C-alpha atoms as a PDB file:
ATOM      1  CA  MET A   1    -195.069  25.036-152.929  1.00  0.00           C
ATOM      2  CA  THR A   2    -194.969  21.651-154.604  1.00  0.00           C
ATOM      3  CA  THR A   3    -193.149  18.880-152.814  1.00  0.00           C
ATOM      4  CA  VAL A   4    -191.226  16.476-155.020  1.00  0.00           C
ATOM      5  CA  ILE A   5    -191.043  12.922-153.728  1.00  0.00           C
ATOM      6  CA  ASP A   6    -188.228  10.722-154.958  1.00  0.00           C
ATOM      7  CA  LYS A   7    -189.664   7.589-156.493  1.00  0.00           C
ATOM      8  CA  ASP A   8    -186.634   5.556-155.445  1.00  0.00           C
ATOM      9  CA  VAL A   9    -187.340   6.086-151.744  1.00  0.00           C
ATOM     10  CA  ARG A  10    -188.821   2.859-150.468  1.00  0.00           C
ATOM     11  CA  GLN A  11    -192.028   3.120-148.503  1.00  0.00           C
ATOM     12  CA  PRO A  12    -193.139   0.819-145.691  1.00  0.00           C
ATOM     13  CA  SER A  13    -195.052  -2.229-146.800  1.00  0.00           C
ATOM     14  CA  ARG A  14    -198.802  -2.068-146.521  1.00  0.00           C
ATOM     15  CA  LYS A  15    -198.872  -5.401-144.745  1.00  0.00           C
ATOM     16  CA  PRO A  16    -198.788  -4.980-140.953  1.00  0.00           C
ATOM     17  CA  GLY A  17    -195.585  -6.018-139.219  1.00  0.00           C
ATOM     18  CA  ARG A  18    -193.468  -5.948-142.406  1.00  0.00           C
ATOM     19  CA  TRP A  19    -191.220  -3.091-143.486  1.00  0.00           C
ATOM     20  CA  ALA A  20    -189.139  -2.624-146.586  1.00  0.00           C
ATOM     21  CA  ALA A  21    -185.365  -2.194-146.452  1.00  0.00           C
ATOM     22  CA  PRO A  22    -184.200   1.369-145.682  1.00  0.00           C
ATOM     23  CA  PRO A  23    -183.162   3.418-148.709  1.00  0.00           C
ATOM     24  CA  ARG A  24    -179.509   3.617-149.708  1.00  0.00           C
ATOM     25  CA  PRO A  25    -177.765   7.002-149.956  1.00  0.00           C
ATOM     26  CA  VAL A  26    -177.649   8.408-153.465  1.00  0.00           C
ATOM     27  CA  TRP A  27    -173.837   8.129-153.515  1.00  0.00           C
ATOM     28  CA  GLU A  28    -173.832   4.452-152.590  1.00  0.00           C
ATOM     29  CA  GLU A  29    -174.679   2.084-155.390  1.00  0.00           C
ATOM     30  CA  LYS A  30    -176.216  -1.266-154.737  1.00  0.00           C
ATOM     31  CA  PRO A  31    -173.420  -3.876-154.672  1.00  0.00           C
ATOM     32  CA  SER A  32    -173.428  -6.298-157.540  1.00  0.00           C
ATOM     33  CA  THR A  33    -173.429 -10.050-157.140  1.00  0.00           C
ATOM     34  CA  ALA A  34    -169.828 -10.215-158.332  1.00  0.00           C
ATOM     35  CA  GLY A  35    -168.816  -7.561-155.801  1.00  0.00           C
ATOM     36  CA  VAL A  36    -170.441  -9.389-152.899  1.00  0.00           C
ATOM     37  CA  ALA A  37    -168.853 -12.676-154.015  1.00  0.00           C
ATOM     38  CA  GLY A  38    -165.442 -11.015-154.367  1.00  0.00           C
ATOM     39  CA  LYS A  39    -165.615  -9.521-150.873  1.00  0.00           C
ATOM     40  CA  GLY A  40    -166.616 -12.867-149.441  1.00  0.00           C
ATOM     41  CA  LEU A  41    -163.758 -14.600-151.250  1.00  0.00           C
ATOM     42  CA  VAL A  42    -161.171 -12.084-150.038  1.00  0.00           C
ATOM     43  CA  LEU A  43    -162.411 -12.257-146.442  1.00  0.00           C
ATOM     44  CA  GLY A  44    -162.488 -16.047-146.603  1.00  0.00           C
ATOM     45  CA  LEU A  45    -158.894 -16.211-147.856  1.00  0.00           C
ATOM     46  CA  ALA A  46    -157.784 -13.756-145.150  1.00  0.00           C
ATOM     47  CA  CYS A  47    -159.439 -15.849-142.435  1.00  0.00           C
ATOM     48  CA  LEU A  48    -157.906 -19.015-143.884  1.00  0.00           C
ATOM     49  CA  ALA A  49    -154.438 -17.441-143.900  1.00  0.00           C
ATOM     50  CA  ILE A  50    -154.832 -16.672-140.182  1.00  0.00           C
ATOM     51  CA  VAL A  51    -156.582 -19.823-139.000  1.00  0.00           C
ATOM     52  CA  PHE A  52    -154.640 -22.433-141.009  1.00  0.00           C
ATOM     53  CA  PRO A  53    -151.217 -21.846-139.348  1.00  0.00           C
ATOM     54  CA  LEU A  54    -152.880 -21.824-135.918  1.00  0.00           C
ATOM     55  CA  TRP A  55    -154.631 -25.079-136.756  1.00  0.00           C
ATOM     56  CA  ILE A  56    -151.324 -26.711-137.706  1.00  0.00           C
ATOM     57  CA  VAL A  57    -149.658 -25.534-134.490  1.00  0.00           C
ATOM     58  CA  ILE A  58    -152.499 -26.836-132.300  1.00  0.00           C
ATOM     59  CA  VAL A  59    -152.819 -30.188-134.103  1.00  0.00           C
ATOM     60  CA  THR A  60    -149.061 -30.765-134.030  1.00  0.00           C
ATOM     61  CA  SER A  61    -148.916 -30.034-130.303  1.00  0.00           C
ATOM     62  CA  LEU A  62    -151.607 -32.674-129.727  1.00  0.00           C
ATOM     63  CA  SER A  63    -149.998 -35.328-131.960  1.00  0.00           C
ATOM     64  CA  SER A  64    -148.000 -38.319-130.841  1.00  0.00           C
ATOM     65  CA  ARG A  65    -144.401 -38.875-131.862  1.00  0.00           C
ATOM     66  CA  ARG A  66    -145.434 -41.572-134.338  1.00  0.00           C
ATOM     67  CA  THR A  67    -147.936 -39.257-136.044  1.00  0.00           C
ATOM     68  CA  ILE A  68    -145.347 -36.497-136.352  1.00  0.00           C
ATOM     69  CA  ASP A  69    -142.788 -38.924-137.771  1.00  0.00           C
ATOM     70  CA  GLU A  70    -145.314 -40.242-140.304  1.00  0.00           C
ATOM     71  CA  ALA A  71    -146.196 -36.683-141.388  1.00  0.00           C
ATOM     72  CA  GLY A  72    -142.532 -35.783-141.657  1.00  0.00           C
ATOM     73  CA  GLY A  73    -142.934 -32.746-139.440  1.00  0.00           C
ATOM     74  CA  LEU A  74    -145.980 -30.509-139.004  1.00  0.00           C
ATOM     75  CA  VAL A  75    -149.326 -32.315-138.836  1.00  0.00           C
ATOM     76  CA  MET A  76    -152.437 -31.021-140.616  1.00  0.00           C
ATOM     77  CA  ILE A  77    -154.889 -33.873-140.026  1.00  0.00           C
ATOM     78  CA  PRO A  78    -155.482 -34.827-136.368  1.00  0.00           C
ATOM     79  CA  LYS A  79    -154.643 -38.437-135.500  1.00  0.00           C
ATOM     80  CA  ASP A  80    -153.756 -40.182-132.251  1.00  0.00           C
ATOM     81  CA  ILE A  81    -154.564 -37.093-130.149  1.00  0.00           C
ATOM     82  CA  THR A  82    -152.551 -36.941-126.939  1.00  0.00           C
ATOM     83  CA  PHE A  83    -151.974 -34.312-124.249  1.00  0.00           C
ATOM     84  CA  VAL A  84    -148.604 -35.649-123.138  1.00  0.00           C
ATOM     85  CA  ALA A  85    -146.742 -32.514-124.207  1.00  0.00           C
ATOM     86  CA  TYR A  86    -149.023 -30.260-122.149  1.00  0.00           C
ATOM     87  CA  GLN A  87    -148.931 -32.608-119.169  1.00  0.00           C
ATOM     88  CA  GLU A  88    -145.137 -32.573-119.159  1.00  0.00           C
ATOM     89  CA  LEU A  89    -144.947 -28.810-119.611  1.00  0.00           C
ATOM     90  CA  LEU A  90    -147.394 -28.113-116.777  1.00  0.00           C
ATOM     91  CA  SER A  91    -146.001 -30.726-114.398  1.00  0.00           C
ATOM     92  CA  GLY A  92    -143.307 -28.352-113.178  1.00  0.00           C
ATOM     93  CA  GLY A  93    -139.869 -27.249-114.224  1.00  0.00           C
ATOM     94  CA  GLN A  94    -138.669 -24.363-116.319  1.00  0.00           C
ATOM     95  CA  VAL A  95    -141.745 -23.906-118.526  1.00  0.00           C
ATOM     96  CA  THR A  96    -144.177 -23.738-115.599  1.00  0.00           C
ATOM     97  CA  ARG A  97    -141.906 -21.311-113.758  1.00  0.00           C
ATOM     98  CA  ALA A  98    -141.529 -19.188-116.905  1.00  0.00           C
ATOM     99  CA  ALA A  99    -145.310 -19.065-117.371  1.00  0.00           C
ATOM    100  CA  LEU A 100    -145.763 -17.858-113.780  1.00  0.00           C
ATOM    101  CA  VAL A 101    -143.074 -15.215-114.331  1.00  0.00           C
ATOM    102  CA  SER A 102    -144.840 -13.983-117.466  1.00  0.00           C
ATOM    103  CA  VAL A 103    -148.193 -13.824-115.675  1.00  0.00           C
ATOM    104  CA  GLY A 104    -146.696 -11.872-112.771  1.00  0.00           C
ATOM    105  CA  ILE A 105    -144.824  -9.441-115.026  1.00  0.00           C
ATOM    106  CA  THR A 106    -147.938  -8.893-117.127  1.00  0.00           C
ATOM    107  CA  LEU A 107    -150.216  -8.191-114.154  1.00  0.00           C
ATOM    108  CA  VAL A 108    -147.821  -5.921-112.260  1.00  0.00           C
ATOM    109  CA  GLY A 109    -146.537  -4.155-115.369  1.00  0.00           C
ATOM    110  CA  THR A 110    -150.003  -3.519-116.794  1.00  0.00           C
ATOM    111  CA  LEU A 111    -151.254  -2.125-113.474  1.00  0.00           C
ATOM    112  CA  PHE A 112    -148.243   0.177-113.153  1.00  0.00           C
ATOM    113  CA  SER A 113    -148.400   1.341-116.783  1.00  0.00           C
ATOM    114  CA  MET A 114    -152.126   2.032-116.656  1.00  0.00           C
ATOM    115  CA  THR A 115    -151.834   3.969-113.392  1.00  0.00           C
ATOM    116  CA  VAL A 116    -149.103   6.252-114.710  1.00  0.00           C
ATOM    117  CA  SER A 117    -150.701   6.614-118.156  1.00  0.00           C
ATOM    118  CA  VAL A 118    -154.142   7.526-116.790  1.00  0.00           C
ATOM    119  CA  LEU A 119    -152.733  10.091-114.362  1.00  0.00           C
ATOM    120  CA  CYS A 120    -150.526  11.635-117.034  1.00  0.00           C
ATOM    121  CA  ALA A 121    -153.291  11.686-119.661  1.00  0.00           C
ATOM    122  CA  TYR A 122    -155.781  13.273-117.257  1.00  0.00           C
ATOM    123  CA  GLY A 123    -153.309  15.983-116.287  1.00  0.00           C
ATOM    124  CA  LEU A 124    -152.561  16.743-119.940  1.00  0.00           C
ATOM    125  CA  SER A 125    -156.267  16.809-120.803  1.00  0.00           C
ATOM    126  CA  ARG A 126    -156.755  19.766-118.421  1.00  0.00           C
ATOM    127  CA  THR A 127    -155.439  22.529-120.674  1.00  0.00           C
ATOM    128  CA  GLY A 128    -155.040  24.962-117.795  1.00  0.00           C
ATOM    129  CA  SER A 129    -152.789  22.708-115.707  1.00  0.00           C
ATOM    130  CA  LEU A 130    -149.254  23.764-114.764  1.00  0.00           C
ATOM    131  CA  GLY A 131    -146.686  23.164-117.531  1.00  0.00           C
ATOM    132  CA  HIS A 132    -149.291  21.424-119.696  1.00  0.00           C
ATOM    133  CA  ARG A 133    -147.875  22.515-123.064  1.00  0.00           C
ATOM    134  CA  TRP A 134    -144.202  21.919-122.225  1.00  0.00           C
ATOM    135  CA  ILE A 135    -144.827  18.454-120.794  1.00  0.00           C
ATOM    136  CA  LEU A 136    -146.864  17.534-123.857  1.00  0.00           C
ATOM    137  CA  MET A 137    -144.096  18.710-126.187  1.00  0.00           C
ATOM    138  CA  LEU A 138    -141.538  16.730-124.165  1.00  0.00           C
ATOM    139  CA  LEU A 139    -143.596  13.559-124.468  1.00  0.00           C
ATOM    140  CA  LEU A 140    -144.076  14.060-128.191  1.00  0.00           C
ATOM    141  CA  ALA A 141    -140.315  14.493-128.647  1.00  0.00           C
ATOM    142  CA  THR A 142    -139.688  11.037-127.191  1.00  0.00           C
ATOM    143  CA  MET A 143    -141.760   9.516-130.007  1.00  0.00           C
ATOM    144  CA  PHE A 144    -139.255  10.751-132.592  1.00  0.00           C
ATOM    145  CA  PHE A 145    -135.943  10.798-130.705  1.00  0.00           C
ATOM    146  CA  SER A 146    -134.427   8.028-128.602  1.00  0.00           C
ATOM    147  CA  ALA A 147    -131.154   7.730-126.712  1.00  0.00           C
ATOM    148  CA  GLY A 148    -130.503   4.296-128.173  1.00  0.00           C
ATOM    149  CA  LEU A 149    -129.874   0.824-126.842  1.00  0.00           C
ATOM    150  CA  ILE A 150    -126.431   1.302-125.277  1.00  0.00           C
ATOM    151  CA  PRO A 151    -127.328   4.380-123.142  1.00  0.00           C
ATOM    152  CA  THR A 152    -130.515   2.609-122.035  1.00  0.00           C
ATOM    153  CA  TYR A 153    -128.572  -0.485-121.011  1.00  0.00           C
ATOM    154  CA  LEU A 154    -125.994   1.616-119.140  1.00  0.00           C
ATOM    155  CA  LEU A 155    -128.806   3.452-117.321  1.00  0.00           C
ATOM    156  CA  VAL A 156    -130.488   0.204-116.266  1.00  0.00           C
ATOM    157  CA  GLN A 157    -127.131  -1.173-115.145  1.00  0.00           C
ATOM    158  CA  SER A 158    -126.245   1.956-113.167  1.00  0.00           C
ATOM    159  CA  LEU A 159    -129.587   1.760-111.351  1.00  0.00           C
ATOM    160  CA  GLY A 160    -128.804  -1.803-110.309  1.00  0.00           C
ATOM    161  CA  LEU A 161    -131.775  -3.287-112.137  1.00  0.00           C
ATOM    162  CA  THR A 162    -129.934  -6.038-114.010  1.00  0.00           C
ATOM    163  CA  ASP A 163    -131.060  -9.540-112.997  1.00  0.00           C
ATOM    164  CA  SER A 164    -134.197  -7.916-111.597  1.00  0.00           C
ATOM    165  CA  TYR A 165    -137.796  -8.167-112.712  1.00  0.00           C
ATOM    166  CA  LEU A 166    -138.026  -4.376-112.595  1.00  0.00           C
ATOM    167  CA  ALA A 167    -135.796  -4.363-115.674  1.00  0.00           C
ATOM    168  CA  LEU A 168    -138.662  -6.027-117.547  1.00  0.00           C
ATOM    169  CA  ILE A 169    -141.168  -3.343-116.511  1.00  0.00           C
ATOM    170  CA  LEU A 170    -139.602   0.096-116.084  1.00  0.00           C
ATOM    171  CA  PRO A 171    -137.739   0.545-119.435  1.00  0.00           C
ATOM    172  CA  SER A 172    -140.947  -0.011-121.416  1.00  0.00           C
ATOM    173  CA  ALA A 173    -143.575   0.975-118.874  1.00  0.00           C
ATOM    174  CA  ILE A 174    -144.953   4.025-120.683  1.00  0.00           C
ATOM    175  CA  SER A 175    -146.213   4.385-124.247  1.00  0.00           C
ATOM    176  CA  VAL A 176    -146.656   7.984-125.374  1.00  0.00           C
ATOM    177  CA  PHE A 177    -149.089   6.859-128.059  1.00  0.00           C
ATOM    178  CA  ASN A 178    -151.352   5.288-125.434  1.00  0.00           C
ATOM    179  CA  ILE A 179    -151.169   8.440-123.317  1.00  0.00           C
ATOM    180  CA  LEU A 180    -152.224  10.567-126.296  1.00  0.00           C
ATOM    181  CA  VAL A 181    -155.169   8.280-127.027  1.00  0.00           C
ATOM    182  CA  LEU A 182    -156.293   8.479-123.384  1.00  0.00           C
ATOM    183  CA  ARG A 183    -155.827  12.242-123.390  1.00  0.00           C
ATOM    184  CA  GLY A 184    -157.952  12.624-126.512  1.00  0.00           C
ATOM    185  CA  PHE A 185    -160.749  10.586-124.970  1.00  0.00           C
ATOM    186  CA  PHE A 186    -160.612  12.488-121.673  1.00  0.00           C
ATOM    187  CA  MET A 187    -160.809  15.808-123.521  1.00  0.00           C
ATOM    188  CA  GLY A 188    -164.046  14.639-125.135  1.00  0.00           C
ATOM    189  CA  ILE A 189    -165.810  14.371-121.769  1.00  0.00           C
ATOM    190  CA  SER A 190    -168.193  17.245-121.132  1.00  0.00           C
ATOM    191  CA  GLN A 191    -166.461  20.083-119.308  1.00  0.00           C
ATOM    192  CA  GLU A 192    -169.785  21.114-117.771  1.00  0.00           C
ATOM    193  CA  LEU A 193    -169.970  17.748-116.021  1.00  0.00           C
ATOM    194  CA  ILE A 194    -166.518  18.228-114.503  1.00  0.00           C
ATOM    195  CA  ASP A 195    -167.291  21.827-113.517  1.00  0.00           C
ATOM    196  CA  SER A 196    -170.468  20.739-111.750  1.00  0.00           C
ATOM    197  CA  ALA A 197    -168.478  18.186-109.781  1.00  0.00           C
ATOM    198  CA  ARG A 198    -166.002  20.886-108.750  1.00  0.00           C
ATOM    199  CA  ILE A 199    -168.856  23.077-107.564  1.00  0.00           C
ATOM    200  CA  ASP A 200    -170.007  20.200-105.373  1.00  0.00           C
ATOM    201  CA  GLY A 201    -166.548  20.114-103.803  1.00  0.00           C
ATOM    202  CA  ALA A 202    -164.938  17.198-105.676  1.00  0.00           C
ATOM    203  CA  GLY A 203    -161.189  17.278-106.178  1.00  0.00           C
ATOM    204  CA  ASP A 204    -159.210  16.112-109.201  1.00  0.00           C
ATOM    205  CA  PHE A 205    -158.633  12.571-107.932  1.00  0.00           C
ATOM    206  CA  ARG A 206    -162.312  12.125-107.087  1.00  0.00           C
ATOM    207  CA  ILE A 207    -163.353  13.501-110.480  1.00  0.00           C
ATOM    208  CA  LEU A 208    -160.942  11.127-112.182  1.00  0.00           C
ATOM    209  CA  ARG A 209    -162.072   8.121-110.151  1.00  0.00           C
ATOM    210  CA  GLN A 210    -165.830   8.670-110.091  1.00  0.00           C
ATOM    211  CA  ILE A 211    -166.545  10.560-113.333  1.00  0.00           C
ATOM    212  CA  VAL A 212    -163.789  10.346-115.923  1.00  0.00           C
ATOM    213  CA  MET A 213    -162.817   6.683-115.566  1.00  0.00           C
ATOM    214  CA  PRO A 214    -166.387   5.274-115.513  1.00  0.00           C
ATOM    215  CA  LEU A 215    -167.122   7.227-118.709  1.00  0.00           C
ATOM    216  CA  SER A 216    -163.915   5.944-120.326  1.00  0.00           C
ATOM    217  CA  ARG A 217    -164.332   2.192-119.905  1.00  0.00           C
ATOM    218  CA  ALA A 218    -163.981   1.566-123.642  1.00  0.00           C
ATOM    219  CA  VAL A 219    -160.631   3.285-124.111  1.00  0.00           C
ATOM    220  CA  LEU A 220    -159.325   1.972-120.780  1.00  0.00           C
ATOM    221  CA  ALA A 221    -160.119  -1.597-121.840  1.00  0.00           C
ATOM    222  CA  VAL A 222    -158.317  -1.147-125.159  1.00  0.00           C
ATOM    223  CA  ILE A 223    -155.200   0.458-123.674  1.00  0.00           C
ATOM    224  CA  THR A 224    -155.089  -2.185-120.935  1.00  0.00           C
ATOM    225  CA  LEU A 225    -155.080  -4.868-123.612  1.00  0.00           C
ATOM    226  CA  PHE A 226    -152.289  -3.083-125.474  1.00  0.00           C
ATOM    227  CA  TYR A 227    -150.102  -2.952-122.387  1.00  0.00           C
ATOM    228  CA  ALA A 228    -150.926  -6.528-121.358  1.00  0.00           C
ATOM    229  CA  VAL A 229    -150.095  -7.944-124.795  1.00  0.00           C
ATOM    230  CA  GLY A 230    -146.885  -5.935-124.849  1.00  0.00           C
ATOM    231  CA  TYR A 231    -145.713  -7.302-121.507  1.00  0.00           C
ATOM    232  CA  TRP A 232    -146.812 -10.852-122.292  1.00  0.00           C
ATOM    233  CA  SER A 233    -145.061 -10.907-125.666  1.00  0.00           C
ATOM    234  CA  ALA A 234    -141.888  -9.076-124.596  1.00  0.00           C
ATOM    235  CA  TRP A 235    -138.657 -11.045-124.780  1.00  0.00           C
ATOM    236  CA  PHE A 236    -135.881  -8.610-125.726  1.00  0.00           C
ATOM    237  CA  ASN A 237    -135.535  -6.927-122.331  1.00  0.00           C
ATOM    238  CA  ALA A 238    -135.284 -10.308-120.618  1.00  0.00           C
ATOM    239  CA  SER A 239    -132.555 -11.497-122.981  1.00  0.00           C
ATOM    240  CA  LEU A 240    -130.712  -8.220-122.447  1.00  0.00           C
ATOM    241  CA  TYR A 241    -130.987  -7.672-118.696  1.00  0.00           C
ATOM    242  CA  LEU A 242    -131.421 -11.186-117.227  1.00  0.00           C
ATOM    243  CA  ASN A 243    -128.639 -13.726-116.901  1.00  0.00           C
ATOM    244  CA  ASP A 244    -130.393 -16.233-114.639  1.00  0.00           C
ATOM    245  CA  GLN A 245    -132.302 -18.863-116.643  1.00  0.00           C
ATOM    246  CA  ASP A 246    -134.707 -19.414-113.755  1.00  0.00           C
ATOM    247  CA  MET A 247    -135.937 -15.821-114.116  1.00  0.00           C
ATOM    248  CA  MET A 248    -136.668 -16.028-117.843  1.00  0.00           C
ATOM    249  CA  PRO A 249    -140.302 -15.432-118.953  1.00  0.00           C
ATOM    250  CA  LEU A 250    -142.228 -17.797-121.195  1.00  0.00           C
ATOM    251  CA  GLN A 251    -141.382 -16.063-124.465  1.00  0.00           C
ATOM    252  CA  ASN A 252    -137.652 -16.525-123.922  1.00  0.00           C
ATOM    253  CA  VAL A 253    -138.119 -20.200-123.095  1.00  0.00           C
ATOM    254  CA  MET A 254    -140.142 -20.562-126.279  1.00  0.00           C
ATOM    255  CA  ILE A 255    -137.332 -18.979-128.300  1.00  0.00           C
ATOM    256  CA  GLN A 256    -134.835 -21.405-126.787  1.00  0.00           C
ATOM    257  CA  LEU A 257    -137.080 -24.306-127.714  1.00  0.00           C
ATOM    258  CA  VAL A 258    -137.734 -23.159-131.271  1.00  0.00           C
ATOM    259  CA  GLN A 259    -134.060 -22.490-131.878  1.00  0.00           C
ATOM    260  CA  LYS A 260    -133.219 -25.791-130.124  1.00  0.00           C
ATOM    261  CA  GLN A 261    -130.705 -24.068-127.914  1.00  0.00           C
ATOM    262  CA  GLU A 262    -131.731 -25.809-124.725  1.00  0.00           C
ATOM    263  CA  ALA A 263    -134.524 -28.213-123.727  1.00  0.00           C
ATOM    264  CA  PRO A 264    -136.551 -27.184-120.670  1.00  0.00           C
ATOM    265  CA  VAL A 265    -135.624 -28.822-117.399  1.00  0.00           C
ATOM    266  CA  GLY A 266    -137.460 -32.158-117.061  1.00  0.00           C
ATOM    267  CA  LEU A 267    -138.166 -32.545-120.772  1.00  0.00           C
ATOM    268  CA  GLY A 268    -134.726 -33.251-122.158  1.00  0.00           C
ATOM    269  CA  GLN A 269    -134.684 -36.882-120.991  1.00  0.00           C
ATOM    270  CA  ALA A 270    -138.275 -37.469-122.154  1.00  0.00           C
ATOM    271  CA  ILE A 271    -137.385 -36.267-125.642  1.00  0.00           C
ATOM    272  CA  LYS A 272    -134.231 -38.364-125.781  1.00  0.00           C
ATOM    273  CA  THR A 273    -136.040 -41.562-124.731  1.00  0.00           C
ATOM    274  CA  GLY A 274    -138.703 -41.071-127.401  1.00  0.00           C
ATOM    275  CA  GLU A 275    -141.597 -40.391-125.050  1.00  0.00           C
ATOM    276  CA  LEU A 276    -142.049 -36.922-126.511  1.00  0.00           C
ATOM    277  CA  SER A 277    -141.418 -35.262-129.835  1.00  0.00           C
ATOM    278  CA  GLY A 278    -139.391 -32.096-129.651  1.00  0.00           C
ATOM    279  CA  LEU A 279    -141.624 -30.546-132.315  1.00  0.00           C
ATOM    280  CA  ALA A 280    -144.759 -31.269-130.261  1.00  0.00           C
ATOM    281  CA  VAL A 281    -143.188 -29.571-127.247  1.00  0.00           C
ATOM    282  CA  GLN A 282    -142.306 -26.511-129.338  1.00  0.00           C
ATOM    283  CA  MET A 283    -145.851 -26.225-130.664  1.00  0.00           C
ATOM    284  CA  ALA A 284    -147.318 -26.740-127.183  1.00  0.00           C
ATOM    285  CA  VAL A 285    -145.254 -23.868-125.790  1.00  0.00           C
ATOM    286  CA  MET A 286    -146.423 -21.670-128.691  1.00  0.00           C
ATOM    287  CA  VAL A 287    -150.045 -22.492-127.880  1.00  0.00           C
ATOM    288  CA  MET A 288    -149.464 -21.619-124.222  1.00  0.00           C
ATOM    289  CA  ALA A 289    -147.943 -18.294-125.274  1.00  0.00           C
ATOM    290  CA  LEU A 290    -150.827 -17.458-127.630  1.00  0.00           C
ATOM    291  CA  LEU A 291    -153.694 -18.676-125.451  1.00  0.00           C
ATOM    292  CA  PRO A 292    -154.092 -15.660-123.080  1.00  0.00           C
ATOM    293  CA  VAL A 293    -154.161 -13.152-125.946  1.00  0.00           C
ATOM    294  CA  ALA A 294    -156.614 -15.281-127.934  1.00  0.00           C
ATOM    295  CA  VAL A 295    -158.925 -15.589-124.916  1.00  0.00           C
ATOM    296  CA  LEU A 296    -158.893 -11.928-123.873  1.00  0.00           C
ATOM    297  CA  SER A 297    -159.083 -10.286-127.308  1.00  0.00           C
ATOM    298  CA  PRO A 298    -162.745 -11.157-128.086  1.00  0.00           C
ATOM    299  CA  PHE A 299    -163.903  -9.553-124.831  1.00  0.00           C
ATOM    300  CA  VAL A 300    -162.160  -6.270-125.665  1.00  0.00           C
ATOM    301  CA  GLN A 301    -162.881  -6.318-129.397  1.00  0.00           C
ATOM    302  CA  ARG A 302    -166.219  -4.509-129.027  1.00  0.00           C
ATOM    303  CA  HIS A 303    -164.440  -1.563-127.396  1.00  0.00           C
ATOM    304  CA  PHE A 304    -161.884  -1.030-130.179  1.00  0.00           C
ATOM    305  CA  LYS A 305    -163.998   1.154-132.437  1.00  0.00           C
ATOM    306  CA  LYS A 306    -165.268   3.437-129.683  1.00  0.00           C
ATOM    307  CA  GLY A 307    -162.055   3.512-127.672  1.00  0.00           C
ATOM    308  CA  MET A 308    -159.463   3.973-130.396  1.00  0.00           C
ATOM    309  CA  LEU A 309    -161.314   6.076-132.971  1.00  0.00           C
ATOM    310  CA  THR A 310    -162.902   8.468-130.481  1.00  0.00           C
ATOM    311  CA  GLY A 311    -159.638   8.996-128.613  1.00  0.00           C
ATOM    312  CA  ALA A 312    -157.616   9.463-131.787  1.00  0.00           C
ATOM    313  CA  VAL A 313    -160.034  11.829-133.556  1.00  0.00           C
ATOM    314  CA  LYS A 314    -160.809  14.045-130.579  1.00  0.00           C
ATOM    315  CA  GLY A 315    -157.113  14.217-129.648  1.00  0.00           C
END
């Protein structure tokens, strides 16, 4: 039998320590110079569209009142950098209290949501569990049908949760989509591994804690980020269920500032006397609201492909 060797297949270089580039699949053509340049241009414009507004917000928050007045509003070129806005915001008062409220709600809410979601997803991933199919169908129905805003508000009010931080956690504590992603990932874990643990006498909680969760770090990191960003960015529940301004989270204070409804306690006089620019304070609050997400996202980014795609496809 004669073996036909494709001439296009690149062979290793004869020089020691140097290898040629691996061959491309026959269905993938070599990109042209114009194609590479076009991709680079599109990606560059996309990055610029994301970074440029953030740059303006940060520079404006660090600008003095005179610089903002000279620019006629938002500042693009840094000049007379000052941290007065941040010093005033973090020196106490409503903004500092709102930031602490947001941090507390995010930590407690994320922990509660992840605990319930992991337990529910693990139970649904065991196809032989009691009521598995009916519970799954019930959860899927909630993704397409909702009682609406008024019945939800009446339920929260009847439970006595108004003017309570629980009203910011319980109504939006569970995401069915996140549960389905976790379930799909858990179902991809080898059943033989779980069966061997059962033979050794391990129960469901021990299997979940010592086998399933360590093997699911990627998807757990992604879902944790989803819940944390949701709690940190939430503002509607607070505006609906809270009447006390001292209990408002950071996002609601930011909305009040942007809409110029009410200056935070301790800053109103500073703005009136000209020590601070109201626009600089608004931008500084926006930076404070965006900073935690911007810091945490790069650490979880490497888990997105493995966590989301594997859980979604295997589910």
